[in-house]
Amino acid sequence: MPKKKTPVSRKPSTPRHHQALGIDVGGSGIKAAPVNLKTGELLQERYRIPTPKSGDPKEMIGIMGQLIDHFRWKNPVGIGFPGVIQNQTILTAANLNDDWVGTNLAKALVRFTKAPVSCLNDADAAALCEMKLGGGAEARGVVLLLTIGTGLGSAMFVDGRLVPNTEFGHLPFPHPIKKRWGSAETAAADSARKREDLNWRDWSKRFNDYLQTLYSLTWPSKIILGGGVTKKPERFLPYLNLPIPIEISTFKNQSGIVGAALSTL
């Protein structure tokens, strides 16, 4: 017999209008948690379901529905998705499945929730979290946030305002071993480190070259790094060398969930 679902309760100290469910869609996992929109605190333990290898939209939309159902959620839902998004519609899905292109994610989730749904680029979501509640809150000028994982997500703020869909992970970049040009994330993402079995020093040198490219293009005052590799920044930060501050995300790997929730405001 199937197990009975364990009831999930919200913290009573947080008013309902200060809550939203954040969903962070990644290449390896789809994660969600309810968020206090004032503080960025996760109101319940994060719940994660592996991303299907196929990247199929129907499967993944079903998983998002499972996450909503897991929390028995009736309030607004925000989703960070790894691709270009305009008017809630997905225009690119480089690390998933091309069948996503043209999908209106908000409309696709109507059968799972009647609450408002907001969708934005996943790196934009992480940056929104950092700029509102984290290390970028007081920053001015150009601030870049990069999420390092299966791909390289990027977001740019100028004087506190988001410039949406800055897909710097897809910039042309020379691969130092294959001696040919490709996208930056195929050479410098964490997935490249794992795929090519690079040690942290060699990968960090390659990633630093990528940062130097972004610095020369955008002249930021600060770069904030997020994603799974930032759990242990001592493995790579000592090898990075830029003439500006390079900081680890205040919310670390939770920034995508928190920022997705904040997008509902």
C-alpha atoms as a PDB file:
ATOM      1  CA  MET A   1       0.000   0.000   0.000  1.00  0.00           C
ATOM      2  CA  PRO A   2       1.267   3.529  -0.726  1.00  0.00           C
ATOM      3  CA  LYS A   3       2.540   5.457   2.245  1.00  0.00           C
ATOM      4  CA  LYS A   4       0.260   8.112   3.669  1.00  0.00           C
ATOM      5  CA  LYS A   5       1.486  11.624   3.047  1.00  0.00           C
ATOM      6  CA  THR A   6       2.867  13.236   6.162  1.00  0.00           C
ATOM      7  CA  PRO A   7       1.028  16.507   6.855  1.00  0.00           C
ATOM      8  CA  VAL A   8       3.202  19.562   6.336  1.00  0.00           C
ATOM      9  CA  SER A   9       2.621  22.639   8.487  1.00  0.00           C
ATOM     10  CA  ARG A  10       3.791  26.203   7.928  1.00  0.00           C
ATOM     11  CA  LYS A  11       5.389  28.288  10.609  1.00  0.00           C
ATOM     12  CA  PRO A  12       2.471  30.216  12.137  1.00  0.00           C
ATOM     13  CA  SER A  13       4.643  33.264  12.847  1.00  0.00           C
ATOM     14  CA  THR A  14       4.883  34.089   9.117  1.00  0.00           C
ATOM     15  CA  PRO A  15       1.727  35.707   7.648  1.00  0.00           C
ATOM     16  CA  ARG A  16       0.440  33.984   4.522  1.00  0.00           C
ATOM     17  CA  HIS A  17       0.953  37.102   2.390  1.00  0.00           C
ATOM     18  CA  HIS A  18       4.671  36.991   3.298  1.00  0.00           C
ATOM     19  CA  GLN A  19       5.048  33.457   1.925  1.00  0.00           C
ATOM     20  CA  ALA A  20       5.684  31.988  -1.518  1.00  0.00           C
ATOM     21  CA  LEU A  21       6.935  28.652  -2.799  1.00  0.00           C
ATOM     22  CA  GLY A  22      10.256  28.866  -4.638  1.00  0.00           C
ATOM     23  CA  ILE A  23      11.121  26.197  -7.222  1.00  0.00           C
ATOM     24  CA  ASP A  24      14.664  26.010  -8.589  1.00  0.00           C
ATOM     25  CA  VAL A  25      14.954  23.957 -11.792  1.00  0.00           C
ATOM     26  CA  GLY A  26      18.441  22.574 -12.403  1.00  0.00           C
ATOM     27  CA  GLY A  27      20.110  20.130 -14.723  1.00  0.00           C
ATOM     28  CA  SER A  28      20.476  17.510 -11.978  1.00  0.00           C
ATOM     29  CA  GLY A  29      17.653  18.311  -9.589  1.00  0.00           C
ATOM     30  CA  ILE A  30      14.421  20.280  -9.154  1.00  0.00           C
ATOM     31  CA  LYS A  31      14.255  21.767  -5.652  1.00  0.00           C
ATOM     32  CA  ALA A  32      11.564  23.639  -3.755  1.00  0.00           C
ATOM     33  CA  ALA A  33      10.778  25.161  -0.376  1.00  0.00           C
ATOM     34  CA  PRO A  34       8.378  27.722   1.083  1.00  0.00           C
ATOM     35  CA  VAL A  35      10.091  31.056   1.694  1.00  0.00           C
ATOM     36  CA  ASN A  36       9.574  33.985   4.043  1.00  0.00           C
ATOM     37  CA  LEU A  37       9.573  36.874   1.560  1.00  0.00           C
ATOM     38  CA  LYS A  38      10.766  39.365   4.160  1.00  0.00           C
ATOM     39  CA  THR A  39      13.840  37.505   5.383  1.00  0.00           C
ATOM     40  CA  GLY A  40      14.578  34.827   2.784  1.00  0.00           C
ATOM     41  CA  GLU A  41      14.258  32.126   5.458  1.00  0.00           C
ATOM     42  CA  LEU A  42      13.139  28.687   4.270  1.00  0.00           C
ATOM     43  CA  LEU A  43       9.994  27.926   6.224  1.00  0.00           C
ATOM     44  CA  GLN A  44      10.292  24.175   5.719  1.00  0.00           C
ATOM     45  CA  GLU A  45      13.024  21.771   4.743  1.00  0.00           C
ATOM     46  CA  ARG A  46      13.974  21.882   1.066  1.00  0.00           C
ATOM     47  CA  TYR A  47      12.518  19.037  -1.026  1.00  0.00           C
ATOM     48  CA  ARG A  48      14.394  17.772  -4.094  1.00  0.00           C
ATOM     49  CA  ILE A  49      13.494  15.432  -6.966  1.00  0.00           C
ATOM     50  CA  PRO A  50      16.123  14.432  -9.562  1.00  0.00           C
ATOM     51  CA  THR A  51      15.750  15.998 -13.001  1.00  0.00           C
ATOM     52  CA  PRO A  52      14.866  13.367 -15.637  1.00  0.00           C
ATOM     53  CA  LYS A  53      17.797  12.710 -17.976  1.00  0.00           C
ATOM     54  CA  SER A  54      15.480  13.273 -20.926  1.00  0.00           C
ATOM     55  CA  GLY A  55      14.746  16.858 -19.809  1.00  0.00           C
ATOM     56  CA  ASP A  56      11.220  16.199 -21.108  1.00  0.00           C
ATOM     57  CA  PRO A  57       8.801  19.068 -20.373  1.00  0.00           C
ATOM     58  CA  LYS A  58       5.850  16.830 -19.458  1.00  0.00           C
ATOM     59  CA  GLU A  59       7.921  14.860 -16.953  1.00  0.00           C
ATOM     60  CA  MET A  60       9.460  17.962 -15.424  1.00  0.00           C
ATOM     61  CA  ILE A  61       6.167  19.867 -15.203  1.00  0.00           C
ATOM     62  CA  GLY A  62       4.764  16.810 -13.440  1.00  0.00           C
ATOM     63  CA  ILE A  63       7.643  16.962 -10.942  1.00  0.00           C
ATOM     64  CA  MET A  64       6.932  20.639 -10.274  1.00  0.00           C
ATOM     65  CA  GLY A  65       3.346  19.610  -9.607  1.00  0.00           C
ATOM     66  CA  GLN A  66       4.610  16.986  -7.147  1.00  0.00           C
ATOM     67  CA  LEU A  67       6.611  19.656  -5.329  1.00  0.00           C
ATOM     68  CA  ILE A  68       3.572  21.921  -5.070  1.00  0.00           C
ATOM     69  CA  ASP A  69       1.507  18.973  -3.823  1.00  0.00           C
ATOM     70  CA  HIS A  70       4.212  17.908  -1.346  1.00  0.00           C
ATOM     71  CA  PHE A  71       3.865  21.230   0.474  1.00  0.00           C
ATOM     72  CA  ARG A  72       0.082  21.355  -0.092  1.00  0.00           C
ATOM     73  CA  TRP A  73       0.743  24.823  -1.410  1.00  0.00           C
ATOM     74  CA  LYS A  74      -2.040  27.349  -2.122  1.00  0.00           C
ATOM     75  CA  ASN A  75      -0.018  30.597  -2.129  1.00  0.00           C
ATOM     76  CA  PRO A  76       1.972  32.119  -5.050  1.00  0.00           C
ATOM     77  CA  VAL A  77       4.660  30.017  -6.734  1.00  0.00           C
ATOM     78  CA  GLY A  78       7.897  31.322  -8.289  1.00  0.00           C
ATOM     79  CA  ILE A  79      10.061  29.239 -10.637  1.00  0.00           C
ATOM     80  CA  GLY A  80      13.678  29.750 -11.689  1.00  0.00           C
ATOM     81  CA  PHE A  81      14.333  27.982 -15.006  1.00  0.00           C
ATOM     82  CA  PRO A  82      17.697  27.521 -16.808  1.00  0.00           C
ATOM     83  CA  GLY A  83      16.944  29.378 -20.024  1.00  0.00           C
ATOM     84  CA  VAL A  84      15.837  32.664 -21.543  1.00  0.00           C
ATOM     85  CA  ILE A  85      12.313  33.563 -20.448  1.00  0.00           C
ATOM     86  CA  GLN A  86      10.142  36.356 -21.814  1.00  0.00           C
ATOM     87  CA  ASN A  87       6.523  36.940 -20.784  1.00  0.00           C
ATOM     88  CA  GLN A  88       6.545  33.652 -18.837  1.00  0.00           C
ATOM     89  CA  THR A  89       7.472  31.793 -22.041  1.00  0.00           C
ATOM     90  CA  ILE A  90      10.653  29.727 -22.395  1.00  0.00           C
ATOM     91  CA  LEU A  91      12.797  30.658 -25.412  1.00  0.00           C
ATOM     92  CA  THR A  92      15.890  28.486 -24.766  1.00  0.00           C
ATOM     93  CA  ALA A  93      16.670  25.310 -22.781  1.00  0.00           C
ATOM     94  CA  ALA A  94      20.262  24.505 -23.718  1.00  0.00           C
ATOM     95  CA  ASN A  95      20.926  21.890 -21.015  1.00  0.00           C
ATOM     96  CA  LEU A  96      17.491  20.268 -21.038  1.00  0.00           C
ATOM     97  CA  ASN A  97      15.301  19.584 -24.072  1.00  0.00           C
ATOM     98  CA  ASP A  98      14.421  21.739 -27.084  1.00  0.00           C
ATOM     99  CA  ASP A  99      10.768  20.768 -26.629  1.00  0.00           C
ATOM    100  CA  TRP A 100      10.681  23.346 -23.826  1.00  0.00           C
ATOM    101  CA  VAL A 101      10.943  26.194 -26.343  1.00  0.00           C
ATOM    102  CA  GLY A 102       7.616  27.996 -26.600  1.00  0.00           C
ATOM    103  CA  THR A 103       6.254  26.597 -23.314  1.00  0.00           C
ATOM    104  CA  ASN A 104       4.401  29.041 -21.087  1.00  0.00           C
ATOM    105  CA  LEU A 105       5.413  27.576 -17.740  1.00  0.00           C
ATOM    106  CA  ALA A 106       2.865  29.567 -15.734  1.00  0.00           C
ATOM    107  CA  LYS A 107      -0.010  28.241 -17.844  1.00  0.00           C
ATOM    108  CA  ALA A 108       1.411  24.704 -17.768  1.00  0.00           C
ATOM    109  CA  LEU A 109       1.112  24.630 -13.971  1.00  0.00           C
ATOM    110  CA  VAL A 110      -2.532  25.735 -13.841  1.00  0.00           C
ATOM    111  CA  ARG A 111      -3.696  22.162 -13.274  1.00  0.00           C
ATOM    112  CA  PHE A 112      -1.570  21.945 -10.122  1.00  0.00           C
ATOM    113  CA  THR A 113      -2.333  25.287  -8.528  1.00  0.00           C
ATOM    114  CA  LYS A 114      -4.835  28.108  -8.857  1.00  0.00           C
ATOM    115  CA  ALA A 115      -2.423  30.527  -7.197  1.00  0.00           C
ATOM    116  CA  PRO A 116      -0.377  33.017  -9.258  1.00  0.00           C
ATOM    117  CA  VAL A 117       2.792  31.578 -10.842  1.00  0.00           C
ATOM    118  CA  SER A 118       5.870  33.643 -11.767  1.00  0.00           C
ATOM    119  CA  CYS A 119       8.756  32.365 -13.943  1.00  0.00           C
ATOM    120  CA  LEU A 120      12.203  33.826 -14.575  1.00  0.00           C
ATOM    121  CA  ASN A 121      15.700  32.750 -15.556  1.00  0.00           C
ATOM    122  CA  ASP A 122      17.323  30.710 -12.767  1.00  0.00           C
ATOM    123  CA  ALA A 123      20.433  32.881 -12.506  1.00  0.00           C
ATOM    124  CA  ASP A 124      18.231  35.985 -12.496  1.00  0.00           C
ATOM    125  CA  ALA A 125      16.355  34.403  -9.582  1.00  0.00           C
ATOM    126  CA  ALA A 126      19.560  33.764  -7.624  1.00  0.00           C
ATOM    127  CA  ALA A 127      20.734  37.315  -8.311  1.00  0.00           C
ATOM    128  CA  LEU A 128      17.390  38.767  -7.239  1.00  0.00           C
ATOM    129  CA  CYS A 129      17.853  37.040  -3.884  1.00  0.00           C
ATOM    130  CA  GLU A 130      21.385  38.382  -3.434  1.00  0.00           C
ATOM    131  CA  MET A 131      20.526  41.906  -4.533  1.00  0.00           C
ATOM    132  CA  LYS A 132      17.500  42.176  -2.244  1.00  0.00           C
ATOM    133  CA  LEU A 133      18.618  40.251   0.825  1.00  0.00           C
ATOM    134  CA  GLY A 134      22.289  39.273   0.401  1.00  0.00           C
ATOM    135  CA  GLY A 135      25.717  40.618  -0.428  1.00  0.00           C
ATOM    136  CA  GLY A 136      24.583  42.792  -3.328  1.00  0.00           C
ATOM    137  CA  ALA A 137      21.964  44.762  -1.398  1.00  0.00           C
ATOM    138  CA  GLU A 138      24.089  47.906  -1.075  1.00  0.00           C
ATOM    139  CA  ALA A 139      26.091  47.526  -4.312  1.00  0.00           C
ATOM    140  CA  ARG A 140      25.941  50.024  -7.146  1.00  0.00           C
ATOM    141  CA  GLY A 141      27.302  50.012 -10.678  1.00  0.00           C
ATOM    142  CA  VAL A 142      27.442  46.693 -12.502  1.00  0.00           C
ATOM    143  CA  VAL A 143      27.149  43.550 -10.356  1.00  0.00           C
ATOM    144  CA  LEU A 144      27.432  40.081 -11.882  1.00  0.00           C
ATOM    145  CA  LEU A 145      26.153  36.904 -10.297  1.00  0.00           C
ATOM    146  CA  LEU A 146      27.241  33.540 -11.697  1.00  0.00           C
ATOM    147  CA  THR A 147      25.789  30.146 -10.805  1.00  0.00           C
ATOM    148  CA  ILE A 148      28.230  27.300 -11.366  1.00  0.00           C
ATOM    149  CA  GLY A 149      26.784  23.852 -11.959  1.00  0.00           C
ATOM    150  CA  THR A 150      25.735  21.767 -14.967  1.00  0.00           C
ATOM    151  CA  GLY A 151      25.955  25.018 -16.901  1.00  0.00           C
ATOM    152  CA  LEU A 152      27.079  28.561 -16.165  1.00  0.00           C
ATOM    153  CA  GLY A 153      24.178  30.789 -15.260  1.00  0.00           C
ATOM    154  CA  SER A 154      24.683  34.531 -15.249  1.00  0.00           C
ATOM    155  CA  ALA A 155      22.800  37.610 -14.171  1.00  0.00           C
ATOM    156  CA  MET A 156      23.622  41.302 -14.303  1.00  0.00           C
ATOM    157  CA  PHE A 157      22.347  44.197 -12.220  1.00  0.00           C
ATOM    158  CA  VAL A 158      23.060  47.837 -13.043  1.00  0.00           C
ATOM    159  CA  ASP A 159      22.538  50.250 -10.157  1.00  0.00           C
ATOM    160  CA  GLY A 160      20.227  47.743  -8.492  1.00  0.00           C
ATOM    161  CA  ARG A 161      18.135  46.961 -11.577  1.00  0.00           C
ATOM    162  CA  LEU A 162      18.089  43.572 -13.251  1.00  0.00           C
ATOM    163  CA  VAL A 163      19.091  43.250 -16.908  1.00  0.00           C
ATOM    164  CA  PRO A 164      17.145  40.044 -17.735  1.00  0.00           C
ATOM    165  CA  ASN A 165      18.474  36.998 -19.577  1.00  0.00           C
ATOM    166  CA  THR A 166      22.169  37.848 -19.784  1.00  0.00           C
ATOM    167  CA  GLU A 167      23.275  34.401 -20.959  1.00  0.00           C
ATOM    168  CA  PHE A 168      27.039  34.855 -20.564  1.00  0.00           C
ATOM    169  CA  GLY A 169      27.479  31.117 -20.128  1.00  0.00           C
ATOM    170  CA  HIS A 170      26.992  30.749 -23.866  1.00  0.00           C
ATOM    171  CA  LEU A 171      29.670  33.226 -24.872  1.00  0.00           C
ATOM    172  CA  PRO A 172      32.236  31.814 -27.347  1.00  0.00           C
ATOM    173  CA  PHE A 173      35.206  30.565 -25.361  1.00  0.00           C
ATOM    174  CA  PRO A 174      38.367  28.688 -26.418  1.00  0.00           C
ATOM    175  CA  HIS A 175      38.746  25.220 -24.948  1.00  0.00           C
ATOM    176  CA  PRO A 176      42.352  24.999 -23.677  1.00  0.00           C
ATOM    177  CA  ILE A 177      42.706  21.269 -24.380  1.00  0.00           C
ATOM    178  CA  LYS A 178      40.545  20.682 -27.452  1.00  0.00           C
ATOM    179  CA  LYS A 179      41.996  23.831 -29.063  1.00  0.00           C
ATOM    180  CA  ARG A 180      38.709  24.892 -30.543  1.00  0.00           C
ATOM    181  CA  TRP A 181      36.001  27.402 -29.707  1.00  0.00           C
ATOM    182  CA  GLY A 182      32.750  26.464 -28.016  1.00  0.00           C
ATOM    183  CA  SER A 183      30.473  27.894 -25.356  1.00  0.00           C
ATOM    184  CA  ALA A 184      32.008  29.000 -22.076  1.00  0.00           C
ATOM    185  CA  GLU A 185      30.009  26.524 -20.027  1.00  0.00           C
ATOM    186  CA  THR A 186      31.255  23.512 -22.022  1.00  0.00           C
ATOM    187  CA  ALA A 187      34.794  24.471 -20.943  1.00  0.00           C
ATOM    188  CA  ALA A 188      34.389  26.147 -17.553  1.00  0.00           C
ATOM    189  CA  ALA A 189      31.236  24.878 -15.810  1.00  0.00           C
ATOM    190  CA  ASP A 190      31.464  22.434 -12.918  1.00  0.00           C
ATOM    191  CA  SER A 191      30.194  19.743 -15.282  1.00  0.00           C
ATOM    192  CA  ALA A 192      33.344  20.302 -17.398  1.00  0.00           C
ATOM    193  CA  ARG A 193      35.516  19.810 -14.312  1.00  0.00           C
ATOM    194  CA  LYS A 194      33.824  16.488 -13.602  1.00  0.00           C
ATOM    195  CA  ARG A 195      33.685  15.344 -17.229  1.00  0.00           C
ATOM    196  CA  GLU A 196      37.378  16.048 -17.851  1.00  0.00           C
ATOM    197  CA  ASP A 197      38.465  14.930 -14.378  1.00  0.00           C
ATOM    198  CA  LEU A 198      40.215  18.238 -13.683  1.00  0.00           C
ATOM    199  CA  ASN A 199      41.733  18.976 -10.310  1.00  0.00           C
ATOM    200  CA  TRP A 200      40.490  22.109  -8.566  1.00  0.00           C
ATOM    201  CA  ARG A 201      43.577  24.162  -9.404  1.00  0.00           C
ATOM    202  CA  ASP A 202      43.382  23.448 -13.152  1.00  0.00           C
ATOM    203  CA  TRP A 203      39.654  24.042 -13.261  1.00  0.00           C
ATOM    204  CA  SER A 204      39.984  27.265 -11.269  1.00  0.00           C
ATOM    205  CA  LYS A 205      42.557  28.619 -13.726  1.00  0.00           C
ATOM    206  CA  ARG A 206      40.157  27.938 -16.574  1.00  0.00           C
ATOM    207  CA  PHE A 207      37.256  29.486 -14.688  1.00  0.00           C
ATOM    208  CA  ASN A 208      39.393  32.537 -13.877  1.00  0.00           C
ATOM    209  CA  ASP A 209      40.062  33.010 -17.601  1.00  0.00           C
ATOM    210  CA  TYR A 210      36.300  33.059 -18.091  1.00  0.00           C
ATOM    211  CA  LEU A 211      35.912  35.655 -15.324  1.00  0.00           C
ATOM    212  CA  GLN A 212      38.608  37.784 -16.955  1.00  0.00           C
ATOM    213  CA  THR A 213      36.581  37.710 -20.189  1.00  0.00           C
ATOM    214  CA  LEU A 214      33.434  38.864 -18.392  1.00  0.00           C
ATOM    215  CA  TYR A 215      35.371  41.559 -16.561  1.00  0.00           C
ATOM    216  CA  SER A 216      36.709  43.002 -19.814  1.00  0.00           C
ATOM    217  CA  LEU A 217      33.206  42.991 -21.331  1.00  0.00           C
ATOM    218  CA  THR A 218      31.134  44.440 -18.481  1.00  0.00           C
ATOM    219  CA  TRP A 219      33.542  46.145 -16.011  1.00  0.00           C
ATOM    220  CA  PRO A 220      31.630  45.057 -12.915  1.00  0.00           C
ATOM    221  CA  SER A 221      32.249  46.457  -9.445  1.00  0.00           C
ATOM    222  CA  LYS A 222      31.642  43.048  -7.868  1.00  0.00           C
ATOM    223  CA  ILE A 223      31.138  39.409  -8.852  1.00  0.00           C
ATOM    224  CA  ILE A 224      29.029  37.075  -6.698  1.00  0.00           C
ATOM    225  CA  LEU A 225      29.351  33.312  -7.138  1.00  0.00           C
ATOM    226  CA  GLY A 226      26.621  30.767  -6.397  1.00  0.00           C
ATOM    227  CA  GLY A 227      25.800  27.169  -7.224  1.00  0.00           C
ATOM    228  CA  GLY A 228      26.781  23.841  -5.773  1.00  0.00           C
ATOM    229  CA  VAL A 229      30.567  24.339  -5.925  1.00  0.00           C
ATOM    230  CA  THR A 230      30.337  27.269  -3.510  1.00  0.00           C
ATOM    231  CA  LYS A 231      29.633  24.897  -0.616  1.00  0.00           C
ATOM    232  CA  LYS A 232      33.423  24.627  -0.231  1.00  0.00           C
ATOM    233  CA  PRO A 233      34.861  27.841  -1.685  1.00  0.00           C
ATOM    234  CA  GLU A 234      38.324  27.149  -0.261  1.00  0.00           C
ATOM    235  CA  ARG A 235      38.839  24.635  -3.081  1.00  0.00           C
ATOM    236  CA  PHE A 236      38.898  27.298  -5.794  1.00  0.00           C
ATOM    237  CA  LEU A 237      38.719  30.879  -4.462  1.00  0.00           C
ATOM    238  CA  PRO A 238      42.484  31.110  -3.729  1.00  0.00           C
ATOM    239  CA  TYR A 239      43.186  30.581  -7.449  1.00  0.00           C
ATOM    240  CA  LEU A 240      40.904  33.374  -8.702  1.00  0.00           C
ATOM    241  CA  ASN A 241      42.546  36.694  -9.498  1.00  0.00           C
ATOM    242  CA  LEU A 242      40.558  39.771 -10.531  1.00  0.00           C
ATOM    243  CA  PRO A 243      40.975  43.446  -9.538  1.00  0.00           C
ATOM    244  CA  ILE A 244      37.487  43.514  -7.972  1.00  0.00           C
ATOM    245  CA  PRO A 245      35.814  41.704  -5.056  1.00  0.00           C
ATOM    246  CA  ILE A 246      34.727  38.113  -5.753  1.00  0.00           C
ATOM    247  CA  GLU A 247      32.247  36.956  -3.127  1.00  0.00           C
ATOM    248  CA  ILE A 248      30.321  33.794  -2.360  1.00  0.00           C
ATOM    249  CA  SER A 249      26.550  34.099  -2.395  1.00  0.00           C
ATOM    250  CA  THR A 250      25.135  34.858   1.050  1.00  0.00           C
ATOM    251  CA  PHE A 251      22.359  32.321   0.511  1.00  0.00           C
ATOM    252  CA  LYS A 252      24.694  29.874  -1.263  1.00  0.00           C
ATOM    253  CA  ASN A 253      22.775  27.069  -2.982  1.00  0.00           C
ATOM    254  CA  GLN A 254      19.443  28.314  -1.596  1.00  0.00           C
ATOM    255  CA  SER A 255      19.550  31.606  -3.512  1.00  0.00           C
ATOM    256  CA  GLY A 256      17.718  30.137  -6.525  1.00  0.00           C
ATOM    257  CA  ILE A 257      14.787  28.985  -4.404  1.00  0.00           C
ATOM    258  CA  VAL A 258      14.634  32.245  -2.448  1.00  0.00           C
ATOM    259  CA  GLY A 259      14.914  34.417  -5.564  1.00  0.00           C
ATOM    260  CA  ALA A 260      12.253  32.421  -7.387  1.00  0.00           C
ATOM    261  CA  ALA A 261       9.912  33.030  -4.447  1.00  0.00           C
ATOM    262  CA  LEU A 262      10.799  36.755  -4.393  1.00  0.00           C
ATOM    263  CA  SER A 263       9.830  37.038  -8.073  1.00  0.00           C
ATOM    264  CA  THR A 264       6.189  36.662  -7.026  1.00  0.00           C
ATOM    265  CA  LEU A 265       6.200  40.062  -5.306  1.00  0.00           C
END
